[in-house]
Amino acid sequence: MSRTLRKSKSSYFFDFIIIIAGITVSFIVNEWREGKKLETKKEQLLQDISKDLYADSLVLDKIITLYKTMARSHDSLLKYQRGTVDEDSLNIYLDHFTSYIPFNATANTYKRQAN
């Protein structure tokens, strides 16, 4: 009987070690999986930010071109002397003088992350 009891104790000990090892391995695998998910999410976030920045750069390029046109109109107004500029051109120059174009950044990625 003592031999059976001894065998049982060692059997219980090995079962306990196997259970602990299984739990440890499951934690390691779960941690690895969560790390992969986080890495994938980070890559997607960087791609989305890159797309937003590209869209913003296109809009800014158009705004810069328009502001250059407006600056030329301002220069023409500064050089204006009575009778040297057509009335239609003068109206366009004055319209450019009073115009303002706001820049609204693309914030799609930020809005998704905020929610």
Protein backbone atom coordinates (compact mmCIF):
# COMPACT_ATOMS: atom_id res chain seq x y z
CA MET A 1 0.00 0.00 0.00
CA SER A 2 2.80 2.40 0.72
CA ARG A 3 4.16 1.73 -2.76
CA THR A 4 0.79 2.67 -4.28
CA LEU A 5 0.64 5.76 -2.11
CA ARG A 6 4.15 6.71 -3.16
CA LYS A 7 3.33 6.16 -6.79
CA SER A 8 0.24 8.25 -6.36
CA LYS A 9 2.23 11.11 -4.79
CA SER A 10 4.76 11.16 -7.61
CA SER A 11 1.95 10.83 -10.15
CA TYR A 12 0.14 13.76 -8.56
CA PHE A 13 3.36 15.78 -8.56
CA PHE A 14 3.96 15.16 -12.29
CA ASP A 15 0.31 15.93 -13.06
CA PHE A 16 0.68 19.18 -11.12
CA ILE A 17 3.86 20.09 -13.07
CA ILE A 18 2.14 19.32 -16.39
CA ILE A 19 -0.84 21.50 -15.44
CA ILE A 20 1.45 24.39 -14.41
CA ALA A 21 3.44 24.01 -17.65
CA GLY A 22 0.22 23.98 -19.71
CA ILE A 23 -1.09 27.12 -18.02
CA THR A 24 2.27 28.86 -18.50
CA VAL A 25 2.37 27.94 -22.19
CA SER A 26 -1.21 29.16 -22.66
CA PHE A 27 -0.30 32.51 -21.08
CA ILE A 28 2.74 32.82 -23.36
CA VAL A 29 0.71 31.99 -26.47
CA ASN A 30 -2.05 34.41 -25.44
CA GLU A 31 0.51 37.17 -24.84
CA TRP A 32 2.09 36.52 -28.25
CA ARG A 33 -1.34 36.64 -29.93
CA GLU A 34 -2.22 39.92 -28.21
CA GLY A 35 1.14 41.35 -29.27
CA LYS A 36 0.42 40.41 -32.89
CA LYS A 37 -3.01 42.07 -32.71
CA LEU A 38 -1.46 45.23 -31.26
CA GLU A 39 1.24 45.27 -33.95
CA THR A 40 -1.38 44.87 -36.70
CA LYS A 41 -3.48 47.66 -35.21
CA LYS A 42 -0.41 49.90 -34.98
CA GLU A 43 0.47 49.25 -38.64
CA GLN A 44 -3.10 50.04 -39.72
CA LEU A 45 -3.09 53.23 -37.66
CA LEU A 46 0.17 54.36 -39.27
CA GLN A 47 -1.23 53.67 -42.75
CA ASP A 48 -4.39 55.63 -41.93
CA ILE A 49 -2.37 58.57 -40.60
CA SER A 50 -0.27 58.47 -43.76
CA LYS A 51 -3.43 58.61 -45.90
CA ASP A 52 -4.76 61.55 -43.87
CA LEU A 53 -1.46 63.42 -44.25
CA TYR A 54 -1.43 62.78 -48.01
CA ALA A 55 -4.99 64.11 -48.35
CA ASP A 56 -4.07 67.17 -46.28
CA SER A 57 -0.99 67.82 -48.42
CA LEU A 58 -3.13 67.80 -51.58
CA VAL A 59 -5.57 70.28 -50.06
CA LEU A 60 -2.74 72.49 -48.82
CA ASP A 61 -1.13 72.45 -52.25
CA LYS A 62 -4.36 73.78 -53.79
CA ILE A 63 -4.72 76.39 -51.05
CA ILE A 64 -1.13 77.55 -51.56
CA THR A 65 -1.74 77.94 -55.29
CA LEU A 66 -4.89 79.94 -54.59
CA TYR A 67 -3.11 82.14 -52.04
CA LYS A 68 -0.37 82.86 -54.60
CA THR A 69 -3.09 84.03 -57.01
CA MET A 70 -4.57 86.15 -54.25
CA ALA A 71 -1.13 87.63 -53.49
CA ARG A 72 -0.76 88.64 -57.14
CA SER A 73 -4.17 90.31 -56.89
CA HIS A 74 -3.03 92.16 -53.77
CA ASP A 75 0.10 93.31 -55.58
CA SER A 76 -2.04 94.52 -58.49
CA LEU A 77 -4.23 96.48 -56.08
CA LEU A 78 -1.16 98.10 -54.54
CA LYS A 79 0.01 99.15 -57.99
CA TYR A 80 -3.47 100.31 -59.01
CA GLN A 81 -3.81 103.75 -60.48
CA ARG A 82 -7.07 105.16 -61.64
CA GLY A 83 -7.94 104.06 -65.13
CA THR A 84 -5.12 101.50 -65.52
CA VAL A 85 -7.14 98.40 -64.56
CA ASP A 86 -10.42 97.20 -66.02
CA GLU A 87 -13.40 97.36 -63.70
CA ASP A 88 -13.93 93.58 -63.95
CA SER A 89 -10.31 92.93 -62.97
CA LEU A 90 -10.64 95.39 -60.12
CA ASN A 91 -13.71 93.49 -58.85
CA ILE A 92 -11.77 90.21 -58.97
CA TYR A 93 -8.80 91.78 -57.16
CA LEU A 94 -11.07 93.17 -54.45
CA ASP A 95 -12.80 89.80 -54.13
CA HIS A 96 -9.42 88.13 -53.65
CA PHE A 97 -8.47 90.84 -51.18
CA THR A 98 -11.43 90.06 -48.94
CA SER A 99 -11.31 86.26 -49.34
CA TYR A 100 -10.11 83.80 -46.75
CA ILE A 101 -9.73 80.06 -47.20
CA PRO A 102 -9.63 78.03 -43.99
CA PHE A 103 -7.75 74.76 -43.76
CA ASN A 104 -9.64 71.90 -42.16
CA ALA A 105 -7.32 69.01 -41.47
CA THR A 106 -8.41 65.48 -42.24
CA ALA A 107 -9.05 63.94 -38.84
CA ASN A 108 -10.67 60.62 -39.77
CA THR A 109 -8.05 58.54 -37.99
CA TYR A 110 -8.15 60.75 -34.91
CA LYS A 111 -11.94 60.52 -34.71
CA ARG A 112 -11.83 56.72 -34.98
CA GLN A 113 -9.22 56.51 -32.22
CA ALA A 114 -11.15 58.91 -29.97
CA ASN A 115 -14.21 56.63 -29.98
